């Protein structure tokens, strides 16, 4: 079963991807690198293609991974906006509706 994860590689690169476990490796579908940039409001982030000249899915060996976690709601929403259904998950701060 595939799921969206944030992965920190041993090389310090950080990825957001749809990942499937294959035993000793993972299949990455639509992987993107997290790119950090300085903005007027502090540190910002963006997404850039990972291995942009490769076609299809990417095989990543488990020995290349330093850490893996679930993405924040904001990161998941941005990834889904680009690659997914476009469905945005409301955060806890959005729970109060004004009627």
N, C-alpha and C. Protein backbone atom coordinates (compact mmCIF):
# COMPACT_ATOMS: atom_id res chain seq x y z
N UNK A 1 0.84 -1.19 0.00
CA UNK A 1 0.00 0.00 0.00
C UNK A 1 0.88 1.25 0.00
N UNK A 2 0.57 2.17 -0.86
CA UNK A 2 1.33 3.41 -0.96
C UNK A 2 0.80 4.44 0.03
N UNK A 3 1.70 5.30 0.47
CA UNK A 3 1.33 6.36 1.40
C UNK A 3 2.28 7.54 1.22
N UNK A 4 1.87 8.74 1.59
CA UNK A 4 2.70 9.93 1.45
C UNK A 4 3.57 10.07 2.70
N UNK A 5 4.89 10.24 2.49
CA UNK A 5 5.84 10.38 3.59
C UNK A 5 6.85 11.47 3.28
N UNK A 6 7.45 12.01 4.34
CA UNK A 6 8.63 12.87 4.23
C UNK A 6 9.81 11.97 4.57
N UNK A 7 10.83 11.99 3.71
CA UNK A 7 12.01 11.13 3.89
C UNK A 7 13.25 12.01 3.97
N UNK A 8 14.09 11.75 4.95
CA UNK A 8 15.40 12.39 5.04
C UNK A 8 16.42 11.36 4.62
N UNK A 9 17.14 11.66 3.54
CA UNK A 9 18.16 10.74 3.03
C UNK A 9 19.47 10.92 3.79
N UNK A 10 20.33 9.92 3.71
CA UNK A 10 21.66 10.01 4.33
C UNK A 10 22.45 11.18 3.77
N UNK A 11 22.13 11.63 2.57
CA UNK A 11 22.80 12.76 1.93
C UNK A 11 22.28 14.11 2.43
N UNK A 12 21.32 14.11 3.35
CA UNK A 12 20.65 15.28 3.94
C UNK A 12 19.53 15.83 3.08
N UNK A 13 19.32 15.29 1.89
CA UNK A 13 18.18 15.72 1.08
C UNK A 13 16.89 15.29 1.78
N UNK A 14 15.86 16.11 1.62
CA UNK A 14 14.54 15.76 2.14
C UNK A 14 13.56 15.68 0.98
N UNK A 15 12.76 14.61 0.99
CA UNK A 15 11.81 14.35 -0.08
C UNK A 15 10.41 14.23 0.48
N UNK A 16 9.43 14.53 -0.35
CA UNK A 16 8.03 14.18 -0.10
C UNK A 16 7.65 13.28 -1.26
N UNK A 17 7.04 12.13 -0.95
CA UNK A 17 6.75 11.17 -2.00
C UNK A 17 5.64 10.23 -1.61
N UNK A 18 5.04 9.65 -2.61
CA UNK A 18 4.12 8.53 -2.45
C UNK A 18 5.01 7.29 -2.44
N UNK A 19 5.04 6.56 -1.33
CA UNK A 19 6.04 5.51 -1.14
C UNK A 19 5.37 4.15 -0.93
N UNK A 20 5.97 3.13 -1.55
CA UNK A 20 5.50 1.75 -1.41
C UNK A 20 6.67 0.88 -0.95
N UNK A 21 6.47 0.09 0.10
CA UNK A 21 7.51 -0.79 0.65
C UNK A 21 7.63 -2.05 -0.20
N UNK A 22 8.87 -2.37 -0.62
CA UNK A 22 9.14 -3.55 -1.43
C UNK A 22 10.08 -4.53 -0.73
N UNK A 23 10.20 -4.47 0.57
CA UNK A 23 11.13 -5.35 1.27
C UNK A 23 12.43 -4.65 1.55
N UNK A 24 13.43 -4.78 0.68
CA UNK A 24 14.72 -4.13 0.90
C UNK A 24 14.83 -2.77 0.20
N UNK A 25 13.76 -2.36 -0.48
CA UNK A 25 13.75 -1.07 -1.15
C UNK A 25 12.34 -0.49 -1.11
N UNK A 26 12.24 0.76 -1.53
CA UNK A 26 10.96 1.45 -1.65
C UNK A 26 10.79 1.90 -3.10
N UNK A 27 9.56 1.94 -3.56
CA UNK A 27 9.23 2.57 -4.82
C UNK A 27 8.67 3.94 -4.51
N UNK A 28 9.28 4.97 -5.12
CA UNK A 28 8.83 6.34 -4.93
C UNK A 28 8.08 6.79 -6.18
N UNK A 29 6.85 7.21 -5.99
CA UNK A 29 6.04 7.75 -7.08
C UNK A 29 5.90 9.25 -6.85
N UNK A 30 6.12 10.03 -7.87
CA UNK A 30 6.04 11.49 -7.79
C UNK A 30 6.89 12.07 -6.67
N UNK A 31 8.17 11.69 -6.57
CA UNK A 31 9.01 12.26 -5.51
C UNK A 31 9.41 13.69 -5.82
N UNK A 32 9.41 14.53 -4.79
CA UNK A 32 9.86 15.91 -4.91
C UNK A 32 10.82 16.23 -3.77
N UNK A 33 11.78 17.08 -4.04
CA UNK A 33 12.72 17.55 -3.02
C UNK A 33 12.12 18.76 -2.33
N UNK A 34 12.35 18.84 -1.01
CA UNK A 34 11.96 20.03 -0.27
C UNK A 34 13.13 21.01 -0.39
N UNK A 35 12.84 22.20 -0.89
CA UNK A 35 13.84 23.22 -1.08
C UNK A 35 13.54 24.36 -0.11
N UNK A 36 14.54 24.72 0.70
CA UNK A 36 14.37 25.80 1.67
C UNK A 36 14.90 27.09 1.08
N UNK A 37 14.19 28.18 1.38
CA UNK A 37 14.60 29.48 0.87
C UNK A 37 14.29 30.56 1.90
N UNK A 38 15.15 31.54 1.94
CA UNK A 38 14.95 32.65 2.86
C UNK A 38 13.94 33.61 2.25
N UNK A 39 12.97 34.02 3.06
CA UNK A 39 11.94 34.97 2.60
C UNK A 39 11.91 36.15 3.56
N UNK A 40 11.10 37.14 3.23
CA UNK A 40 10.94 38.30 4.12
C UNK A 40 10.35 37.89 5.47
N UNK A 41 9.61 36.80 5.49
CA UNK A 41 8.96 36.33 6.73
C UNK A 41 9.77 35.27 7.45
N UNK A 42 10.98 34.98 6.99
CA UNK A 42 11.82 33.96 7.62
C UNK A 42 12.16 32.86 6.62
N UNK A 43 12.18 31.65 7.11
CA UNK A 43 12.52 30.51 6.26
C UNK A 43 11.26 29.95 5.61
N UNK A 44 11.28 29.80 4.30
CA UNK A 44 10.17 29.22 3.56
C UNK A 44 10.61 27.94 2.89
N UNK A 45 9.66 27.24 2.33
CA UNK A 45 10.00 26.00 1.62
C UNK A 45 9.19 25.90 0.34
N UNK A 46 9.73 25.12 -0.57
CA UNK A 46 9.05 24.84 -1.82
C UNK A 46 9.36 23.43 -2.25
N UNK A 47 8.72 22.97 -3.30
CA UNK A 47 8.93 21.62 -3.80
C UNK A 47 9.52 21.70 -5.20
N UNK A 48 10.54 20.86 -5.44
CA UNK A 48 11.19 20.81 -6.75
C UNK A 48 11.28 19.35 -7.18
N UNK A 49 11.27 19.08 -8.47
CA UNK A 49 11.35 17.69 -8.93
C UNK A 49 12.61 16.99 -8.40
N UNK A 50 12.45 15.75 -8.01
CA UNK A 50 13.57 14.90 -7.59
C UNK A 50 13.90 14.00 -8.78
N UNK A 51 15.15 14.00 -9.20
CA UNK A 51 15.58 13.24 -10.38
C UNK A 51 14.72 13.60 -11.59
N UNK A 52 14.74 14.88 -11.99
CA UNK A 52 13.83 15.34 -13.05
C UNK A 52 14.05 14.70 -14.41
N UNK A 53 15.21 14.09 -14.63
CA UNK A 53 15.46 13.49 -15.94
C UNK A 53 15.21 11.99 -15.95
N UNK A 54 14.68 11.45 -14.85
CA UNK A 54 14.29 10.04 -14.80
C UNK A 54 12.83 9.92 -15.26
N UNK A 55 12.49 8.77 -15.78
CA UNK A 55 11.09 8.52 -16.17
C UNK A 55 10.51 7.46 -15.26
N UNK A 56 9.24 7.60 -14.94
CA UNK A 56 8.56 6.61 -14.12
C UNK A 56 8.94 6.70 -12.66
N UNK A 57 8.68 5.62 -11.94
CA UNK A 57 8.95 5.55 -10.51
C UNK A 57 10.44 5.43 -10.23
N UNK A 58 10.83 5.75 -9.01
CA UNK A 58 12.22 5.68 -8.56
C UNK A 58 12.33 4.59 -7.50
N UNK A 59 13.36 3.75 -7.60
CA UNK A 59 13.64 2.76 -6.58
C UNK A 59 14.66 3.34 -5.61
N UNK A 60 14.35 3.33 -4.32
CA UNK A 60 15.25 3.84 -3.29
C UNK A 60 15.54 2.71 -2.31
N UNK A 61 16.81 2.41 -2.11
CA UNK A 61 17.19 1.34 -1.19
C UNK A 61 17.09 1.84 0.25
N UNK A 62 16.59 1.01 1.13
CA UNK A 62 16.35 1.40 2.52
C UNK A 62 17.61 1.89 3.21
N UNK A 63 18.78 1.41 2.79
CA UNK A 63 20.04 1.84 3.41
C UNK A 63 20.34 3.31 3.12
N UNK A 64 19.62 3.95 2.21
CA UNK A 64 19.82 5.36 1.86
C UNK A 64 19.04 6.30 2.77
N UNK A 65 18.18 5.77 3.63
CA UNK A 65 17.26 6.58 4.42
C UNK A 65 17.77 6.76 5.85
N UNK A 66 17.81 8.03 6.29
CA UNK A 66 18.19 8.35 7.67
C UNK A 66 16.94 8.43 8.56
N UNK A 67 15.83 8.95 8.02
CA UNK A 67 14.60 9.11 8.81
C UNK A 67 13.40 9.21 7.89
N UNK A 68 12.22 8.89 8.45
CA UNK A 68 10.97 8.97 7.69
C UNK A 68 9.86 9.38 8.64
N UNK A 69 8.95 10.24 8.17
CA UNK A 69 7.84 10.71 9.02
C UNK A 69 6.65 11.08 8.16
N UNK A 70 5.51 11.28 8.82
CA UNK A 70 4.32 11.77 8.13
C UNK A 70 4.51 13.26 7.86
N UNK A 71 4.01 13.75 6.73
CA UNK A 71 4.13 15.18 6.44
C UNK A 71 3.18 16.01 7.29
N UNK A 72 3.54 17.27 7.50
CA UNK A 72 2.62 18.20 8.16
C UNK A 72 1.40 18.39 7.27
N UNK A 73 0.33 18.89 7.83
CA UNK A 73 -0.89 19.12 7.05
C UNK A 73 -0.62 20.08 5.89
N UNK A 74 0.15 21.15 6.14
CA UNK A 74 0.46 22.10 5.07
C UNK A 74 1.24 21.44 3.94
N UNK A 75 2.23 20.62 4.29
CA UNK A 75 3.04 19.96 3.26
C UNK A 75 2.20 18.94 2.49
N UNK A 76 1.37 18.18 3.20
CA UNK A 76 0.50 17.20 2.56
C UNK A 76 -0.47 17.90 1.60
N UNK A 77 -1.02 19.03 2.03
CA UNK A 77 -1.94 19.77 1.17
C UNK A 77 -1.25 20.27 -0.10
N UNK A 78 -0.02 20.76 0.03
CA UNK A 78 0.71 21.24 -1.14
C UNK A 78 1.04 20.09 -2.08
N UNK A 79 1.46 18.96 -1.53
CA UNK A 79 1.77 17.79 -2.36
C UNK A 79 0.51 17.31 -3.08
N UNK A 80 -0.60 17.23 -2.36
CA UNK A 80 -1.86 16.79 -2.98
C UNK A 80 -2.37 17.79 -4.01
N UNK A 81 -2.10 19.07 -3.80
CA UNK A 81 -2.50 20.09 -4.77
C UNK A 81 -1.78 19.84 -6.10
N UNK A 82 -0.51 19.45 -6.01
CA UNK A 82 0.30 19.24 -7.21
C UNK A 82 0.02 17.88 -7.85
N UNK A 83 0.01 16.81 -7.04
CA UNK A 83 -0.03 15.45 -7.58
C UNK A 83 -1.32 14.69 -7.29
N UNK A 84 -2.06 15.10 -6.30
CA UNK A 84 -3.19 14.30 -5.87
C UNK A 84 -4.51 14.77 -6.42
N UNK A 85 -5.51 14.52 -5.64
CA UNK A 85 -6.87 14.84 -6.04
C UNK A 85 -7.18 16.32 -5.88
N UNK A 86 -6.28 17.04 -5.22
CA UNK A 86 -6.54 18.45 -4.95
C UNK A 86 -7.31 18.67 -3.67
N UNK A 87 -7.65 17.59 -2.98
CA UNK A 87 -8.38 17.69 -1.73
C UNK A 87 -7.46 18.25 -0.66
N UNK A 88 -7.94 19.27 0.06
CA UNK A 88 -7.16 19.90 1.11
C UNK A 88 -7.73 19.49 2.45
N UNK A 89 -6.84 19.08 3.37
CA UNK A 89 -7.23 18.67 4.71
C UNK A 89 -7.26 19.91 5.59
N UNK A 90 -8.36 20.13 6.29
CA UNK A 90 -8.47 21.28 7.19
C UNK A 90 -7.62 21.05 8.43
N UNK A 91 -6.97 22.11 8.89
CA UNK A 91 -6.19 22.01 10.12
C UNK A 91 -7.10 22.27 11.32
N UNK A 92 -6.59 22.03 12.51
CA UNK A 92 -7.37 22.24 13.72
C UNK A 92 -7.76 23.72 13.85
N UNK A 93 -6.93 24.63 13.35
CA UNK A 93 -7.23 26.07 13.41
C UNK A 93 -8.41 26.44 12.53
N UNK A 94 -8.71 25.63 11.51
CA UNK A 94 -9.82 25.90 10.61
C UNK A 94 -11.14 25.34 11.11
N UNK A 95 -11.13 24.69 12.28
CA UNK A 95 -12.30 23.97 12.77
C UNK A 95 -13.44 24.90 13.18
N UNK A 96 -13.13 26.12 13.54
CA UNK A 96 -14.18 27.05 13.97
C UNK A 96 -14.82 27.70 12.76
N UNK A 97 -16.07 27.45 12.56
CA UNK A 97 -16.81 28.02 11.43
C UNK A 97 -17.68 29.18 11.93
N UNK A 98 -17.65 30.26 11.20
CA UNK A 98 -18.50 31.39 11.55
C UNK A 98 -19.80 31.25 10.78
N UNK A 99 -20.89 31.32 11.52
CA UNK A 99 -22.21 31.16 10.91
C UNK A 99 -22.94 32.48 10.88
